[in-house]
Amino acid sequence: MRQYDDPVEVRRGETEGPDQFLWRGRLWKVRAVLAHWVETGPWWQSAGVRAVVGSDEATSPAETRPDQTPPTQAHTDMLVERELWRVAAGRGVDNDGVFDLSFSWTDGRWQLVGCVD
């Protein structure tokens, strides 16, 4: 599967999932939803978790190094979720592919994150 990080416009139909999506100026019709799951953000990399497991000292926001997540942000990292939809989609009779579409609950945006065509 090729990886992407391209914005897409998704239109939902009567079902919960995507019905069509516009990617690079082309409209793709979803023929089937193959899988649907939710992923959380990388909470295990937050400064709060590193402090609990002993791999880093707990620091105040003023003492946080530029490469660390401030403790106040660590709690919000655990709440970051994105919804993923693996769909079979096509543009015509022979133009089918499998696509991974991601919906971010944080900013309300859709992204195409993977494709096998």
C-alpha atoms as a PDB file:
ATOM      1  CA  MET A   1       0.000   0.000   0.000  1.00  0.00           C
ATOM      2  CA  ARG A   2       1.367   3.401  -0.945  1.00  0.00           C
ATOM      3  CA  GLN A   3       1.219   5.976   1.828  1.00  0.00           C
ATOM      4  CA  TYR A   4      -0.249   9.451   1.292  1.00  0.00           C
ATOM      5  CA  ASP A   5      -1.164  12.493   3.329  1.00  0.00           C
ATOM      6  CA  ASP A   6      -3.489  14.172   0.825  1.00  0.00           C
ATOM      7  CA  PRO A   7      -6.574  16.167   1.771  1.00  0.00           C
ATOM      8  CA  VAL A   8      -9.813  14.846   0.281  1.00  0.00           C
ATOM      9  CA  GLU A   9     -13.402  16.014   0.226  1.00  0.00           C
ATOM     10  CA  VAL A  10     -15.728  13.257   1.396  1.00  0.00           C
ATOM     11  CA  ARG A  11     -19.448  13.042   0.790  1.00  0.00           C
ATOM     12  CA  ARG A  12     -21.450  10.778   3.031  1.00  0.00           C
ATOM     13  CA  GLY A  13     -24.486   8.949   1.756  1.00  0.00           C
ATOM     14  CA  GLU A  14     -27.293   7.322   3.676  1.00  0.00           C
ATOM     15  CA  THR A  15     -24.799   5.265   5.669  1.00  0.00           C
ATOM     16  CA  GLU A  16     -22.388   6.425   8.342  1.00  0.00           C
ATOM     17  CA  GLY A  17     -19.319   5.982   6.149  1.00  0.00           C
ATOM     18  CA  PRO A  18     -18.056   7.735   3.043  1.00  0.00           C
ATOM     19  CA  ASP A  19     -20.081   7.393  -0.172  1.00  0.00           C
ATOM     20  CA  GLN A  20     -17.833   9.402  -2.522  1.00  0.00           C
ATOM     21  CA  PHE A  21     -14.565  11.293  -2.265  1.00  0.00           C
ATOM     22  CA  LEU A  22     -12.801  13.864  -4.381  1.00  0.00           C
ATOM     23  CA  TRP A  23      -9.056  13.250  -4.657  1.00  0.00           C
ATOM     24  CA  ARG A  24      -6.735  15.207  -6.954  1.00  0.00           C
ATOM     25  CA  GLY A  25      -9.672  16.542  -8.948  1.00  0.00           C
ATOM     26  CA  ARG A  26     -11.219  13.117  -9.555  1.00  0.00           C
ATOM     27  CA  LEU A  27     -14.442  11.816  -8.065  1.00  0.00           C
ATOM     28  CA  TRP A  28     -14.291   8.267  -6.658  1.00  0.00           C
ATOM     29  CA  LYS A  29     -17.451   6.270  -5.844  1.00  0.00           C
ATOM     30  CA  VAL A  30     -17.193   3.999  -2.808  1.00  0.00           C
ATOM     31  CA  ARG A  31     -18.329   0.527  -3.815  1.00  0.00           C
ATOM     32  CA  ALA A  32     -17.770  -1.169  -0.446  1.00  0.00           C
ATOM     33  CA  VAL A  33     -16.495  -0.438   3.048  1.00  0.00           C
ATOM     34  CA  LEU A  34     -13.884  -3.116   3.741  1.00  0.00           C
ATOM     35  CA  ALA A  35     -12.925  -2.068   7.283  1.00  0.00           C
ATOM     36  CA  HIS A  36     -13.551   0.683   9.812  1.00  0.00           C
ATOM     37  CA  TRP A  37     -11.536   1.421  12.979  1.00  0.00           C
ATOM     38  CA  VAL A  38     -10.454   4.192  15.337  1.00  0.00           C
ATOM     39  CA  GLU A  39      -6.853   5.056  16.239  1.00  0.00           C
ATOM     40  CA  THR A  40      -5.729   7.183  19.156  1.00  0.00           C
ATOM     41  CA  GLY A  41      -2.811   9.595  19.067  1.00  0.00           C
ATOM     42  CA  PRO A  42       0.668   8.490  20.209  1.00  0.00           C
ATOM     43  CA  TRP A  43      -0.108   9.030  23.893  1.00  0.00           C
ATOM     44  CA  TRP A  44       2.739   6.699  24.891  1.00  0.00           C
ATOM     45  CA  GLN A  45       5.238   9.343  23.667  1.00  0.00           C
ATOM     46  CA  SER A  46       3.925  12.099  25.945  1.00  0.00           C
ATOM     47  CA  ALA A  47       6.084  13.564  28.728  1.00  0.00           C
ATOM     48  CA  GLY A  48       3.554  12.435  31.344  1.00  0.00           C
ATOM     49  CA  VAL A  49       3.836   8.792  30.312  1.00  0.00           C
ATOM     50  CA  ARG A  50       7.631   8.976  30.079  1.00  0.00           C
ATOM     51  CA  ALA A  51       7.697  10.354  33.625  1.00  0.00           C
ATOM     52  CA  VAL A  52       5.452   7.550  34.934  1.00  0.00           C
ATOM     53  CA  VAL A  53       7.505   4.767  33.377  1.00  0.00           C
ATOM     54  CA  GLY A  54      10.743   6.386  34.543  1.00  0.00           C
ATOM     55  CA  SER A  55      12.254   7.129  31.151  1.00  0.00           C
ATOM     56  CA  ASP A  56      12.164  10.864  31.751  1.00  0.00           C
ATOM     57  CA  GLU A  57      11.850  13.185  34.731  1.00  0.00           C
ATOM     58  CA  ALA A  58       8.578  15.019  35.301  1.00  0.00           C
ATOM     59  CA  THR A  59       9.095  18.680  34.486  1.00  0.00           C
ATOM     60  CA  SER A  60       7.097  21.845  34.707  1.00  0.00           C
ATOM     61  CA  PRO A  61       6.131  23.555  31.413  1.00  0.00           C
ATOM     62  CA  ALA A  62       8.870  26.155  31.979  1.00  0.00           C
ATOM     63  CA  GLU A  63      11.485  23.389  32.336  1.00  0.00           C
ATOM     64  CA  THR A  64      10.314  21.398  29.315  1.00  0.00           C
ATOM     65  CA  ARG A  65      12.907  20.943  26.581  1.00  0.00           C
ATOM     66  CA  PRO A  66      11.817  21.806  23.000  1.00  0.00           C
ATOM     67  CA  ASP A  67      11.651  18.095  22.093  1.00  0.00           C
ATOM     68  CA  GLN A  68       9.280  17.264  24.981  1.00  0.00           C
ATOM     69  CA  THR A  69       5.530  17.508  25.238  1.00  0.00           C
ATOM     70  CA  PRO A  70       4.488  19.787  28.122  1.00  0.00           C
ATOM     71  CA  PRO A  71       2.543  17.902  30.843  1.00  0.00           C
ATOM     72  CA  THR A  72      -0.601  19.922  30.151  1.00  0.00           C
ATOM     73  CA  GLN A  73      -0.556  18.716  26.543  1.00  0.00           C
ATOM     74  CA  ALA A  74       0.006  15.083  27.557  1.00  0.00           C
ATOM     75  CA  HIS A  75      -3.606  14.783  28.712  1.00  0.00           C
ATOM     76  CA  THR A  76      -4.965  16.094  25.410  1.00  0.00           C
ATOM     77  CA  ASP A  77      -2.697  13.727  23.417  1.00  0.00           C
ATOM     78  CA  MET A  78      -4.644  10.808  24.880  1.00  0.00           C
ATOM     79  CA  LEU A  79      -7.885  12.256  23.519  1.00  0.00           C
ATOM     80  CA  VAL A  80      -6.701  12.688  19.922  1.00  0.00           C
ATOM     81  CA  GLU A  81      -8.501  10.194  17.726  1.00  0.00           C
ATOM     82  CA  ARG A  82      -8.878   9.597  14.048  1.00  0.00           C
ATOM     83  CA  GLU A  83     -11.389   7.375  12.356  1.00  0.00           C
ATOM     84  CA  LEU A  84     -10.146   5.235   9.474  1.00  0.00           C
ATOM     85  CA  TRP A  85     -12.161   3.744   6.655  1.00  0.00           C
ATOM     86  CA  ARG A  86     -10.719   1.199   4.209  1.00  0.00           C
ATOM     87  CA  VAL A  87     -12.883   1.337   1.114  1.00  0.00           C
ATOM     88  CA  ALA A  88     -13.025  -0.177  -2.353  1.00  0.00           C
ATOM     89  CA  ALA A  89     -13.732   2.655  -4.772  1.00  0.00           C
ATOM     90  CA  GLY A  90     -13.754   3.286  -8.486  1.00  0.00           C
ATOM     91  CA  ARG A  91     -14.163   5.910 -11.183  1.00  0.00           C
ATOM     92  CA  GLY A  92     -15.519   3.665 -13.901  1.00  0.00           C
ATOM     93  CA  VAL A  93     -15.775   0.043 -14.875  1.00  0.00           C
ATOM     94  CA  ASP A  94     -12.067  -0.867 -14.603  1.00  0.00           C
ATOM     95  CA  ASN A  95     -10.649   1.899 -12.402  1.00  0.00           C
ATOM     96  CA  ASP A  96     -10.949   0.292  -8.963  1.00  0.00           C
ATOM     97  CA  GLY A  97      -8.669   0.578  -5.977  1.00  0.00           C
ATOM     98  CA  VAL A  98      -8.526   0.180  -2.216  1.00  0.00           C
ATOM     99  CA  PHE A  99      -8.159   3.402  -0.245  1.00  0.00           C
ATOM    100  CA  ASP A 100      -7.618   4.299   3.400  1.00  0.00           C
ATOM    101  CA  LEU A 101      -9.499   7.468   4.325  1.00  0.00           C
ATOM    102  CA  SER A 102      -8.883   9.152   7.673  1.00  0.00           C
ATOM    103  CA  PHE A 103     -11.220  11.521   9.498  1.00  0.00           C
ATOM    104  CA  SER A 104      -9.670  13.621  12.266  1.00  0.00           C
ATOM    105  CA  TRP A 105     -12.048  14.469  15.107  1.00  0.00           C
ATOM    106  CA  THR A 106      -9.618  17.177  16.232  1.00  0.00           C
ATOM    107  CA  ASP A 107      -9.935  19.393  13.158  1.00  0.00           C
ATOM    108  CA  GLY A 108     -12.790  17.772  11.187  1.00  0.00           C
ATOM    109  CA  ARG A 109     -10.634  17.083   8.116  1.00  0.00           C
ATOM    110  CA  TRP A 110     -10.499  14.060   5.835  1.00  0.00           C
ATOM    111  CA  GLN A 111      -7.196  12.738   4.473  1.00  0.00           C
ATOM    112  CA  LEU A 112      -6.320   9.977   2.052  1.00  0.00           C
ATOM    113  CA  VAL A 113      -3.570   8.084   3.898  1.00  0.00           C
ATOM    114  CA  GLY A 114      -3.110   4.965   1.754  1.00  0.00           C
ATOM    115  CA  CYS A 115      -3.931   3.485  -1.631  1.00  0.00           C
ATOM    116  CA  VAL A 116      -3.628   0.216  -3.533  1.00  0.00           C
ATOM    117  CA  ASP A 117      -4.777   0.616  -7.124  1.00  0.00           C
END
